[in-house]
Full PDB file with SEQRES, HELIX, SHEET, SSBOND, CRYST1, ORIGX, SCALE, CONECT and MASTER records, all heavy atoms in Angstrom:
SEQRES   1 A   35  ARG LYS TYR GLY ILE LYS HIS ILE TRP ALA ARG ILE LEU          
SEQRES   2 A   35  SER VAL TYR GLY PRO TYR ASP GLY LYS ASP THR MET VAL          
SEQRES   3 A   35  MET SER THR ILE ILE LYS LEU LEU TYR                          
HELIX    1 AA1 MET A   25  LEU A   34  1                                  10    
CRYST1    1.000    1.000    1.000  90.00  90.00  90.00 P 1           1          
ORIGX1      1.000000  0.000000  0.000000        0.00000                         
ORIGX2      0.000000  1.000000  0.000000        0.00000                         
ORIGX3      0.000000  0.000000  1.000000        0.00000                         
SCALE1      1.000000  0.000000  0.000000        0.00000                         
SCALE2      0.000000  1.000000  0.000000        0.00000                         
SCALE3      0.000000  0.000000  1.000000        0.00000                         
ATOM      1  N   ARG A   1     -25.589 -14.172  14.250  1.00  0.00           N  
ATOM      2  CA  ARG A   1     -25.614 -15.257  15.208  1.00  0.00           C  
ATOM      3  C   ARG A   1     -26.405 -14.843  16.461  1.00  0.00           C  
ATOM      4  O   ARG A   1     -27.175 -15.584  17.073  1.00  0.00           O  
ATOM      5  CB  ARG A   1     -24.183 -15.705  15.578  1.00  0.00           C  
ATOM      6  CG  ARG A   1     -24.201 -16.983  16.462  1.00  0.00           C  
ATOM      7  CD  ARG A   1     -22.740 -17.353  16.774  1.00  0.00           C  
ATOM      8  NE  ARG A   1     -21.939 -17.549  15.558  1.00  0.00           N  
ATOM      9  CZ  ARG A   1     -20.802 -16.919  15.274  1.00  0.00           C  
ATOM     10  NH1 ARG A   1     -20.413 -15.907  16.105  1.00  0.00           N  
ATOM     11  NH2 ARG A   1     -20.190 -17.204  14.204  1.00  0.00           N  
ATOM     12  N   LYS A   2     -26.152 -13.571  16.867  1.00  0.00           N  
ATOM     13  CA  LYS A   2     -26.843 -13.007  18.044  1.00  0.00           C  
ATOM     14  C   LYS A   2     -28.356 -13.035  17.864  1.00  0.00           C  
ATOM     15  O   LYS A   2     -29.071 -13.298  18.823  1.00  0.00           O  
ATOM     16  CB  LYS A   2     -26.323 -11.609  18.266  1.00  0.00           C  
ATOM     17  CG  LYS A   2     -26.988 -10.851  19.443  1.00  0.00           C  
ATOM     18  CD  LYS A   2     -26.385  -9.433  19.546  1.00  0.00           C  
ATOM     19  CE  LYS A   2     -27.115  -8.554  20.530  1.00  0.00           C  
ATOM     20  NZ  LYS A   2     -26.534  -7.193  20.548  1.00  0.00           N  
ATOM     21  N   TYR A   3     -28.792 -12.763  16.657  1.00  0.00           N  
ATOM     22  CA  TYR A   3     -30.229 -12.693  16.365  1.00  0.00           C  
ATOM     23  C   TYR A   3     -30.803 -13.964  15.870  1.00  0.00           C  
ATOM     24  O   TYR A   3     -31.983 -14.054  15.554  1.00  0.00           O  
ATOM     25  CB  TYR A   3     -30.469 -11.614  15.339  1.00  0.00           C  
ATOM     26  CG  TYR A   3     -30.134 -10.196  15.806  1.00  0.00           C  
ATOM     27  CD1 TYR A   3     -29.506  -9.244  14.927  1.00  0.00           C  
ATOM     28  CD2 TYR A   3     -30.377  -9.765  17.130  1.00  0.00           C  
ATOM     29  CE1 TYR A   3     -29.197  -7.950  15.354  1.00  0.00           C  
ATOM     30  CE2 TYR A   3     -30.030  -8.531  17.556  1.00  0.00           C  
ATOM     31  CZ  TYR A   3     -29.468  -7.610  16.680  1.00  0.00           C  
ATOM     32  OH  TYR A   3     -29.097  -6.321  17.106  1.00  0.00           O  
ATOM     33  N   GLY A   4     -29.981 -14.996  15.745  1.00  0.00           N  
ATOM     34  CA  GLY A   4     -30.505 -16.310  15.254  1.00  0.00           C  
ATOM     35  C   GLY A   4     -30.794 -16.263  13.725  1.00  0.00           C  
ATOM     36  O   GLY A   4     -31.656 -16.975  13.225  1.00  0.00           O  
ATOM     37  N   ILE A   5     -30.014 -15.374  13.020  1.00  0.00           N  
ATOM     38  CA  ILE A   5     -30.213 -15.309  11.549  1.00  0.00           C  
ATOM     39  C   ILE A   5     -29.076 -15.994  10.859  1.00  0.00           C  
ATOM     40  O   ILE A   5     -27.915 -15.859  11.232  1.00  0.00           O  
ATOM     41  CB  ILE A   5     -30.151 -13.763  11.117  1.00  0.00           C  
ATOM     42  CG1 ILE A   5     -31.330 -12.988  11.685  1.00  0.00           C  
ATOM     43  CG2 ILE A   5     -30.232 -13.676   9.532  1.00  0.00           C  
ATOM     44  CD1 ILE A   5     -31.280 -11.495  11.484  1.00  0.00           C  
ATOM     45  N   LYS A   6     -29.427 -16.910   9.869  1.00  0.00           N  
ATOM     46  CA  LYS A   6     -28.418 -17.560   9.154  1.00  0.00           C  
ATOM     47  C   LYS A   6     -27.590 -16.592   8.326  1.00  0.00           C  
ATOM     48  O   LYS A   6     -28.105 -15.635   7.675  1.00  0.00           O  
ATOM     49  CB  LYS A   6     -29.153 -18.531   8.148  1.00  0.00           C  
ATOM     50  CG  LYS A   6     -28.191 -19.281   7.235  1.00  0.00           C  
ATOM     51  CD  LYS A   6     -29.024 -20.216   6.341  1.00  0.00           C  
ATOM     52  CE  LYS A   6     -28.231 -21.013   5.305  1.00  0.00           C  
ATOM     53  NZ  LYS A   6     -29.087 -21.770   4.455  1.00  0.00           N  
ATOM     54  N   HIS A   7     -26.253 -16.753   8.376  1.00  0.00           N  
ATOM     55  CA  HIS A   7     -25.358 -15.806   7.726  1.00  0.00           C  
ATOM     56  C   HIS A   7     -24.528 -16.441   6.636  1.00  0.00           C  
ATOM     57  O   HIS A   7     -23.844 -17.459   6.882  1.00  0.00           O  
ATOM     58  CB  HIS A   7     -24.415 -15.115   8.752  1.00  0.00           C  
ATOM     59  CG  HIS A   7     -23.540 -14.088   8.240  1.00  0.00           C  
ATOM     60  ND1 HIS A   7     -22.360 -14.335   7.653  1.00  0.00           N  
ATOM     61  CD2 HIS A   7     -23.620 -12.690   8.268  1.00  0.00           C  
ATOM     62  CE1 HIS A   7     -21.769 -13.232   7.332  1.00  0.00           C  
ATOM     63  NE2 HIS A   7     -22.486 -12.244   7.690  1.00  0.00           N  
ATOM     64  N   ILE A   8     -24.550 -15.825   5.499  1.00  0.00           N  
ATOM     65  CA  ILE A   8     -23.729 -16.270   4.339  1.00  0.00           C  
ATOM     66  C   ILE A   8     -22.941 -15.093   3.790  1.00  0.00           C  
ATOM     67  O   ILE A   8     -23.482 -14.002   3.582  1.00  0.00           O  
ATOM     68  CB  ILE A   8     -24.656 -16.812   3.152  1.00  0.00           C  
ATOM     69  CG1 ILE A   8     -25.588 -17.914   3.703  1.00  0.00           C  
ATOM     70  CG2 ILE A   8     -23.797 -17.252   2.006  1.00  0.00           C  
ATOM     71  CD1 ILE A   8     -24.846 -19.131   4.188  1.00  0.00           C  
ATOM     72  N   TRP A   9     -21.662 -15.305   3.614  1.00  0.00           N  
ATOM     73  CA  TRP A   9     -20.810 -14.227   3.049  1.00  0.00           C  
ATOM     74  C   TRP A   9     -20.295 -14.675   1.702  1.00  0.00           C  
ATOM     75  O   TRP A   9     -19.545 -15.710   1.655  1.00  0.00           O  
ATOM     76  CB  TRP A   9     -19.733 -13.835   4.011  1.00  0.00           C  
ATOM     77  CG  TRP A   9     -19.006 -12.597   3.661  1.00  0.00           C  
ATOM     78  CD1 TRP A   9     -17.727 -12.375   3.180  1.00  0.00           C  
ATOM     79  CD2 TRP A   9     -19.518 -11.255   3.856  1.00  0.00           C  
ATOM     80  NE1 TRP A   9     -17.446 -11.147   2.971  1.00  0.00           N  
ATOM     81  CE2 TRP A   9     -18.531 -10.352   3.385  1.00  0.00           C  
ATOM     82  CE3 TRP A   9     -20.746 -10.752   4.264  1.00  0.00           C  
ATOM     83  CZ2 TRP A   9     -18.693  -8.954   3.397  1.00  0.00           C  
ATOM     84  CZ3 TRP A   9     -20.914  -9.344   4.228  1.00  0.00           C  
ATOM     85  CH2 TRP A   9     -19.915  -8.485   3.857  1.00  0.00           C  
ATOM     86  N   ALA A  10     -20.611 -13.885   0.614  1.00  0.00           N  
ATOM     87  CA  ALA A  10     -20.197 -14.300  -0.716  1.00  0.00           C  
ATOM     88  C   ALA A  10     -19.044 -13.425  -1.125  1.00  0.00           C  
ATOM     89  O   ALA A  10     -19.200 -12.213  -1.360  1.00  0.00           O  
ATOM     90  CB  ALA A  10     -21.313 -14.219  -1.647  1.00  0.00           C  
ATOM     91  N   ARG A  11     -17.841 -13.968  -1.245  1.00  0.00           N  
ATOM     92  CA  ARG A  11     -16.629 -13.179  -1.748  1.00  0.00           C  
ATOM     93  C   ARG A  11     -16.701 -13.251  -3.302  1.00  0.00           C  
ATOM     94  O   ARG A  11     -16.344 -14.336  -3.868  1.00  0.00           O  
ATOM     95  CB  ARG A  11     -15.385 -13.727  -1.126  1.00  0.00           C  
ATOM     96  CG  ARG A  11     -15.254 -13.352   0.302  1.00  0.00           C  
ATOM     97  CD  ARG A  11     -13.958 -13.809   0.957  1.00  0.00           C  
ATOM     98  NE  ARG A  11     -13.857 -13.341   2.315  1.00  0.00           N  
ATOM     99  CZ  ARG A  11     -13.067 -13.873   3.212  1.00  0.00           C  
ATOM    100  NH1 ARG A  11     -12.246 -14.897   2.893  1.00  0.00           N  
ATOM    101  NH2 ARG A  11     -12.962 -13.428   4.450  1.00  0.00           N  
ATOM    102  N   ILE A  12     -17.037 -12.205  -3.849  1.00  0.00           N  
ATOM    103  CA  ILE A  12     -17.330 -12.180  -5.311  1.00  0.00           C  
ATOM    104  C   ILE A  12     -16.079 -11.761  -6.090  1.00  0.00           C  
ATOM    105  O   ILE A  12     -15.399 -10.770  -5.721  1.00  0.00           O  
ATOM    106  CB  ILE A  12     -18.485 -11.220  -5.610  1.00  0.00           C  
ATOM    107  CG1 ILE A  12     -19.784 -11.628  -4.819  1.00  0.00           C  
ATOM    108  CG2 ILE A  12     -18.785 -11.168  -7.126  1.00  0.00           C  
ATOM    109  CD1 ILE A  12     -20.873 -10.667  -4.902  1.00  0.00           C  
ATOM    110  N   LEU A  13     -15.783 -12.509  -7.133  1.00  0.00           N  
ATOM    111  CA  LEU A  13     -14.603 -12.178  -8.011  1.00  0.00           C  
ATOM    112  C   LEU A  13     -15.069 -11.217  -9.110  1.00  0.00           C  
ATOM    113  O   LEU A  13     -15.996 -10.460  -8.839  1.00  0.00           O  
ATOM    114  CB  LEU A  13     -13.949 -13.385  -8.518  1.00  0.00           C  
ATOM    115  CG  LEU A  13     -12.897 -14.096  -7.610  1.00  0.00           C  
ATOM    116  CD1 LEU A  13     -13.560 -14.671  -6.336  1.00  0.00           C  
ATOM    117  CD2 LEU A  13     -12.129 -15.132  -8.346  1.00  0.00           C  
ATOM    118  N   SER A  14     -14.512 -11.284 -10.279  1.00  0.00           N  
ATOM    119  CA  SER A  14     -14.844 -10.335 -11.304  1.00  0.00           C  
ATOM    120  C   SER A  14     -16.110 -10.782 -12.082  1.00  0.00           C  
ATOM    121  O   SER A  14     -16.171 -11.816 -12.711  1.00  0.00           O  
ATOM    122  CB  SER A  14     -13.697 -10.278 -12.309  1.00  0.00           C  
ATOM    123  OG  SER A  14     -12.574  -9.746 -11.649  1.00  0.00           O  
ATOM    124  N   VAL A  15     -17.078  -9.935 -11.937  1.00  0.00           N  
ATOM    125  CA  VAL A  15     -18.424 -10.204 -12.629  1.00  0.00           C  
ATOM    126  C   VAL A  15     -18.626  -9.188 -13.731  1.00  0.00           C  
ATOM    127  O   VAL A  15     -18.294  -8.001 -13.561  1.00  0.00           O  
ATOM    128  CB  VAL A  15     -19.572 -10.129 -11.549  1.00  0.00           C  
ATOM    129  CG1 VAL A  15     -20.939 -10.221 -12.210  1.00  0.00           C  
ATOM    130  CG2 VAL A  15     -19.397 -11.252 -10.540  1.00  0.00           C  
ATOM    131  N   TYR A  16     -19.191  -9.592 -14.819  1.00  0.00           N  
ATOM    132  CA  TYR A  16     -19.462  -8.701 -15.955  1.00  0.00           C  
ATOM    133  C   TYR A  16     -20.870  -9.026 -16.430  1.00  0.00           C  
ATOM    134  O   TYR A  16     -21.467 -10.045 -16.108  1.00  0.00           O  
ATOM    135  CB  TYR A  16     -18.495  -8.934 -17.091  1.00  0.00           C  
ATOM    136  CG  TYR A  16     -18.659 -10.252 -17.817  1.00  0.00           C  
ATOM    137  CD1 TYR A  16     -19.412 -10.417 -18.935  1.00  0.00           C  
ATOM    138  CD2 TYR A  16     -18.175 -11.460 -17.172  1.00  0.00           C  
ATOM    139  CE1 TYR A  16     -19.687 -11.654 -19.530  1.00  0.00           C  
ATOM    140  CE2 TYR A  16     -18.425 -12.684 -17.829  1.00  0.00           C  
ATOM    141  CZ  TYR A  16     -19.104 -12.746 -18.987  1.00  0.00           C  
ATOM    142  OH  TYR A  16     -19.366 -13.960 -19.540  1.00  0.00           O  
ATOM    143  N   GLY A  17     -21.466  -8.106 -17.212  1.00  0.00           N  
ATOM    144  CA  GLY A  17     -22.756  -8.282 -17.757  1.00  0.00           C  
ATOM    145  C   GLY A  17     -23.515  -6.989 -17.891  1.00  0.00           C  
ATOM    146  O   GLY A  17     -22.963  -5.933 -17.553  1.00  0.00           O  
ATOM    147  N   PRO A  18     -24.773  -7.037 -18.363  1.00  0.00           N  
ATOM    148  CA  PRO A  18     -25.620  -5.907 -18.542  1.00  0.00           C  
ATOM    149  C   PRO A  18     -25.711  -5.132 -17.181  1.00  0.00           C  
ATOM    150  O   PRO A  18     -25.786  -5.763 -16.161  1.00  0.00           O  
ATOM    151  CB  PRO A  18     -26.966  -6.458 -18.941  1.00  0.00           C  
ATOM    152  CG  PRO A  18     -26.587  -7.719 -19.687  1.00  0.00           C  
ATOM    153  CD  PRO A  18     -25.394  -8.277 -18.937  1.00  0.00           C  
ATOM    154  N   TYR A  19     -25.746  -3.766 -17.344  1.00  0.00           N  
ATOM    155  CA  TYR A  19     -25.880  -2.889 -16.200  1.00  0.00           C  
ATOM    156  C   TYR A  19     -24.597  -2.782 -15.393  1.00  0.00           C  
ATOM    157  O   TYR A  19     -24.582  -2.170 -14.283  1.00  0.00           O  
ATOM    158  CB  TYR A  19     -27.019  -3.217 -15.285  1.00  0.00           C  
ATOM    159  CG  TYR A  19     -28.351  -3.243 -16.026  1.00  0.00           C  
ATOM    160  CD1 TYR A  19     -28.986  -4.384 -16.397  1.00  0.00           C  
ATOM    161  CD2 TYR A  19     -29.000  -2.016 -16.312  1.00  0.00           C  
ATOM    162  CE1 TYR A  19     -30.138  -4.419 -17.119  1.00  0.00           C  
ATOM    163  CE2 TYR A  19     -30.228  -2.032 -17.014  1.00  0.00           C  
ATOM    164  CZ  TYR A  19     -30.750  -3.226 -17.405  1.00  0.00           C  
ATOM    165  OH  TYR A  19     -31.943  -3.158 -18.146  1.00  0.00           O  
ATOM    166  N   ASP A  20     -23.491  -3.348 -15.886  1.00  0.00           N  
ATOM    167  CA  ASP A  20     -22.208  -3.186 -15.163  1.00  0.00           C  
ATOM    168  C   ASP A  20     -21.730  -1.822 -15.334  1.00  0.00           C  
ATOM    169  O   ASP A  20     -22.102  -1.029 -16.252  1.00  0.00           O  
ATOM    170  CB  ASP A  20     -21.164  -4.178 -15.818  1.00  0.00           C  
ATOM    171  CG  ASP A  20     -20.022  -4.379 -14.890  1.00  0.00           C  
ATOM    172  OD1 ASP A  20     -20.014  -3.839 -13.737  1.00  0.00           O  
ATOM    173  OD2 ASP A  20     -19.061  -5.085 -15.301  1.00  0.00           O  
ATOM    174  N   GLY A  21     -20.820  -1.338 -14.461  1.00  0.00           N  
ATOM    175  CA  GLY A  21     -20.302   0.027 -14.505  1.00  0.00           C  
ATOM    176  C   GLY A  21     -19.483   0.214 -15.752  1.00  0.00           C  
ATOM    177  O   GLY A  21     -18.751  -0.688 -16.246  1.00  0.00           O  
ATOM    178  N   LYS A  22     -19.509   1.436 -16.289  1.00  0.00           N  
ATOM    179  CA  LYS A  22     -18.831   1.703 -17.602  1.00  0.00           C  
ATOM    180  C   LYS A  22     -17.296   1.743 -17.437  1.00  0.00           C  
ATOM    181  O   LYS A  22     -16.596   1.800 -18.471  1.00  0.00           O  
ATOM    182  CB  LYS A  22     -19.351   3.006 -18.203  1.00  0.00           C  
ATOM    183  CG  LYS A  22     -20.776   2.921 -18.655  1.00  0.00           C  
ATOM    184  CD  LYS A  22     -21.305   4.194 -19.307  1.00  0.00           C  
ATOM    185  CE  LYS A  22     -22.710   4.068 -19.832  1.00  0.00           C  
ATOM    186  NZ  LYS A  22     -23.111   5.239 -20.530  1.00  0.00           N  
ATOM    187  N   ASP A  23     -16.774   1.753 -16.200  1.00  0.00           N  
ATOM    188  CA  ASP A  23     -15.358   1.892 -15.999  1.00  0.00           C  
ATOM    189  C   ASP A  23     -14.673   0.518 -15.826  1.00  0.00           C  
ATOM    190  O   ASP A  23     -13.461   0.435 -15.703  1.00  0.00           O  
ATOM    191  CB  ASP A  23     -15.054   2.750 -14.757  1.00  0.00           C  
ATOM    192  CG  ASP A  23     -15.435   4.212 -15.007  1.00  0.00           C  
ATOM    193  OD1 ASP A  23     -15.297   4.682 -16.170  1.00  0.00           O  
ATOM    194  OD2 ASP A  23     -15.823   4.876 -14.009  1.00  0.00           O  
ATOM    195  N   THR A  24     -15.448  -0.521 -15.783  1.00  0.00           N  
ATOM    196  CA  THR A  24     -14.851  -1.869 -15.668  1.00  0.00           C  
ATOM    197  C   THR A  24     -14.099  -2.271 -16.946  1.00  0.00           C  
ATOM    198  O   THR A  24     -14.380  -1.710 -17.994  1.00  0.00           O  
ATOM    199  CB  THR A  24     -15.876  -2.961 -15.343  1.00  0.00           C  
ATOM    200  OG1 THR A  24     -16.821  -3.070 -16.473  1.00  0.00           O  
ATOM    201  CG2 THR A  24     -16.628  -2.617 -14.069  1.00  0.00           C  
ATOM    202  N   MET A  25     -13.198  -3.257 -16.840  1.00  0.00           N  
ATOM    203  CA  MET A  25     -12.419  -3.603 -18.004  1.00  0.00           C  
ATOM    204  C   MET A  25     -13.326  -4.142 -19.134  1.00  0.00           C  
ATOM    205  O   MET A  25     -13.209  -3.704 -20.306  1.00  0.00           O  
ATOM    206  CB  MET A  25     -11.388  -4.724 -17.709  1.00  0.00           C  
ATOM    207  CG  MET A  25     -10.365  -5.006 -18.799  1.00  0.00           C  
ATOM    208  SD  MET A  25     -10.954  -5.932 -20.201  1.00  0.00           S  
ATOM    209  CE  MET A  25     -11.075  -7.609 -19.507  1.00  0.00           C  
ATOM    210  N   VAL A  26     -14.268  -5.003 -18.789  1.00  0.00           N  
ATOM    211  CA  VAL A  26     -15.087  -5.552 -19.858  1.00  0.00           C  
ATOM    212  C   VAL A  26     -15.974  -4.512 -20.459  1.00  0.00           C  
ATOM    213  O   VAL A  26     -16.033  -4.385 -21.722  1.00  0.00           O  
ATOM    214  CB  VAL A  26     -15.950  -6.755 -19.244  1.00  0.00           C  
ATOM    215  CG1 VAL A  26     -16.992  -7.181 -20.239  1.00  0.00           C  
ATOM    216  CG2 VAL A  26     -15.067  -7.916 -18.854  1.00  0.00           C  
ATOM    217  N   MET A  27     -16.713  -3.718 -19.655  1.00  0.00           N  
ATOM    218  CA  MET A  27     -17.711  -2.807 -20.222  1.00  0.00           C  
ATOM    219  C   MET A  27     -16.977  -1.700 -20.979  1.00  0.00           C  
ATOM    220  O   MET A  27     -17.435  -1.241 -22.041  1.00  0.00           O  
ATOM    221  CB  MET A  27     -18.604  -2.287 -19.162  1.00  0.00           C  
ATOM    222  CG  MET A  27     -19.857  -1.540 -19.713  1.00  0.00           C  
ATOM    223  SD  MET A  27     -20.865  -2.603 -20.728  1.00  0.00           S  
ATOM    224  CE  MET A  27     -21.716  -3.580 -19.559  1.00  0.00           C  
ATOM    225  N   SER A  28     -15.924  -1.167 -20.392  1.00  0.00           N  
ATOM    226  CA  SER A  28     -15.179  -0.083 -21.081  1.00  0.00           C  
ATOM    227  C   SER A  28     -14.612  -0.531 -22.447  1.00  0.00           C  
ATOM    228  O   SER A  28     -14.564   0.250 -23.428  1.00  0.00           O  
ATOM    229  CB  SER A  28     -14.073   0.497 -20.188  1.00  0.00           C  
ATOM    230  OG  SER A  28     -13.059  -0.496 -19.940  1.00  0.00           O  
ATOM    231  N   THR A  29     -14.173  -1.788 -22.492  1.00  0.00           N  
ATOM    232  CA  THR A  29     -13.662  -2.312 -23.736  1.00  0.00           C  
ATOM    233  C   THR A  29     -14.745  -2.450 -24.791  1.00  0.00           C  
ATOM    234  O   THR A  29     -14.592  -2.108 -25.964  1.00  0.00           O  
ATOM    235  CB  THR A  29     -12.952  -3.722 -23.476  1.00  0.00           C  
ATOM    236  OG1 THR A  29     -11.905  -3.515 -22.576  1.00  0.00           O  
ATOM    237  CG2 THR A  29     -12.431  -4.262 -24.798  1.00  0.00           C  
ATOM    238  N   ILE A  30     -15.894  -2.959 -24.332  1.00  0.00           N  
ATOM    239  CA  ILE A  30     -17.043  -3.103 -25.253  1.00  0.00           C  
ATOM    240  C   ILE A  30     -17.396  -1.790 -25.835  1.00  0.00           C  
ATOM    241  O   ILE A  30     -17.605  -1.593 -27.033  1.00  0.00           O  
ATOM    242  CB  ILE A  30     -18.221  -3.717 -24.556  1.00  0.00           C  
ATOM    243  CG1 ILE A  30     -17.956  -5.197 -24.241  1.00  0.00           C  
ATOM    244  CG2 ILE A  30     -19.550  -3.508 -25.314  1.00  0.00           C  
ATOM    245  CD1 ILE A  30     -19.024  -5.893 -23.361  1.00  0.00           C  
ATOM    246  N   ILE A  31     -17.519  -0.725 -24.963  1.00  0.00           N  
ATOM    247  CA  ILE A  31     -17.950   0.585 -25.370  1.00  0.00           C  
ATOM    248  C   ILE A  31     -16.932   1.194 -26.378  1.00  0.00           C  
ATOM    249  O   ILE A  31     -17.343   1.722 -27.418  1.00  0.00           O  
ATOM    250  CB  ILE A  31     -18.132   1.537 -24.172  1.00  0.00           C  
ATOM    251  CG1 ILE A  31     -19.258   0.996 -23.322  1.00  0.00           C  
ATOM    252  CG2 ILE A  31     -18.350   2.955 -24.611  1.00  0.00           C  
ATOM    253  CD1 ILE A  31     -19.378   1.703 -21.968  1.00  0.00           C  
ATOM    254  N   LYS A  32     -15.637   1.120 -26.042  1.00  0.00           N  
ATOM    255  CA  LYS A  32     -14.644   1.723 -26.913  1.00  0.00           C  
ATOM    256  C   LYS A  32     -14.596   1.034 -28.323  1.00  0.00           C  
ATOM    257  O   LYS A  32     -14.488   1.743 -29.299  1.00  0.00           O  
ATOM    258  CB  LYS A  32     -13.255   1.646 -26.267  1.00  0.00           C  
ATOM    259  CG  LYS A  32     -13.117   2.619 -25.109  1.00  0.00           C  
ATOM    260  CD  LYS A  32     -11.687   2.555 -24.476  1.00  0.00           C  
ATOM    261  CE  LYS A  32     -11.510   3.479 -23.384  1.00  0.00           C  
ATOM    262  NZ  LYS A  32     -10.207   3.423 -22.782  1.00  0.00           N  
ATOM    263  N   LEU A  33     -14.692  -0.310 -28.324  1.00  0.00           N  
ATOM    264  CA  LEU A  33     -14.664  -1.006 -29.575  1.00  0.00           C  
ATOM    265  C   LEU A  33     -15.913  -0.738 -30.424  1.00  0.00           C  
ATOM    266  O   LEU A  33     -15.809  -0.573 -31.648  1.00  0.00           O  
ATOM    267  CB  LEU A  33     -14.499  -2.501 -29.327  1.00  0.00           C  
ATOM    268  CG  LEU A  33     -13.127  -2.940 -28.695  1.00  0.00           C  
ATOM    269  CD1 LEU A  33     -13.073  -4.415 -28.491  1.00  0.00           C  
ATOM    270  CD2 LEU A  33     -11.956  -2.504 -29.603  1.00  0.00           C  
ATOM    271  N   LEU A  34     -17.045  -0.620 -29.763  1.00  0.00           N  
ATOM    272  CA  LEU A  34     -18.291  -0.326 -30.534  1.00  0.00           C  
ATOM    273  C   LEU A  34     -18.213   1.063 -31.133  1.00  0.00           C  
ATOM    274  O   LEU A  34     -18.692   1.285 -32.276  1.00  0.00           O  
ATOM    275  CB  LEU A  34     -19.495  -0.446 -29.605  1.00  0.00           C  
ATOM    276  CG  LEU A  34     -20.010  -1.818 -29.285  1.00  0.00           C  
ATOM    277  CD1 LEU A  34     -21.127  -1.830 -28.271  1.00  0.00           C  
ATOM    278  CD2 LEU A  34     -20.455  -2.549 -30.510  1.00  0.00           C  
ATOM    279  N   TYR A  35     -17.563   2.038 -30.466  1.00  0.00           N  
ATOM    280  CA  TYR A  35     -17.527   3.358 -30.968  1.00  0.00           C  
ATOM    281  C   TYR A  35     -16.244   3.605 -31.744  1.00  0.00           C  
ATOM    282  O   TYR A  35     -15.984   4.767 -32.123  1.00  0.00           O  
ATOM    283  CB  TYR A  35     -17.568   4.352 -29.803  1.00  0.00           C  
ATOM    284  CG  TYR A  35     -18.991   4.554 -29.260  1.00  0.00           C  
ATOM    285  CD1 TYR A  35     -19.527   3.734 -28.285  1.00  0.00           C  
ATOM    286  CD2 TYR A  35     -19.805   5.553 -29.795  1.00  0.00           C  
ATOM    287  CE1 TYR A  35     -20.833   3.870 -27.768  1.00  0.00           C  
ATOM    288  CE2 TYR A  35     -21.111   5.719 -29.297  1.00  0.00           C  
ATOM    289  CZ  TYR A  35     -21.635   4.894 -28.299  1.00  0.00           C  
ATOM    290  OH  TYR A  35     -22.872   5.057 -27.857  1.00  0.00           O  
TER     291      TYR A  35                                                      
MASTER        0    0    0    1    0    0    0    6  290    1    0    3          
END                                                                             
């Protein structure tokens, strides 16, 4: 606001998909089941 820049804050819930960390529930489950 001080600099006149529009500000948006995105509160992100649980996201999954390619390039996700291997320790997340979704990716770790995919990896274990595949192996």
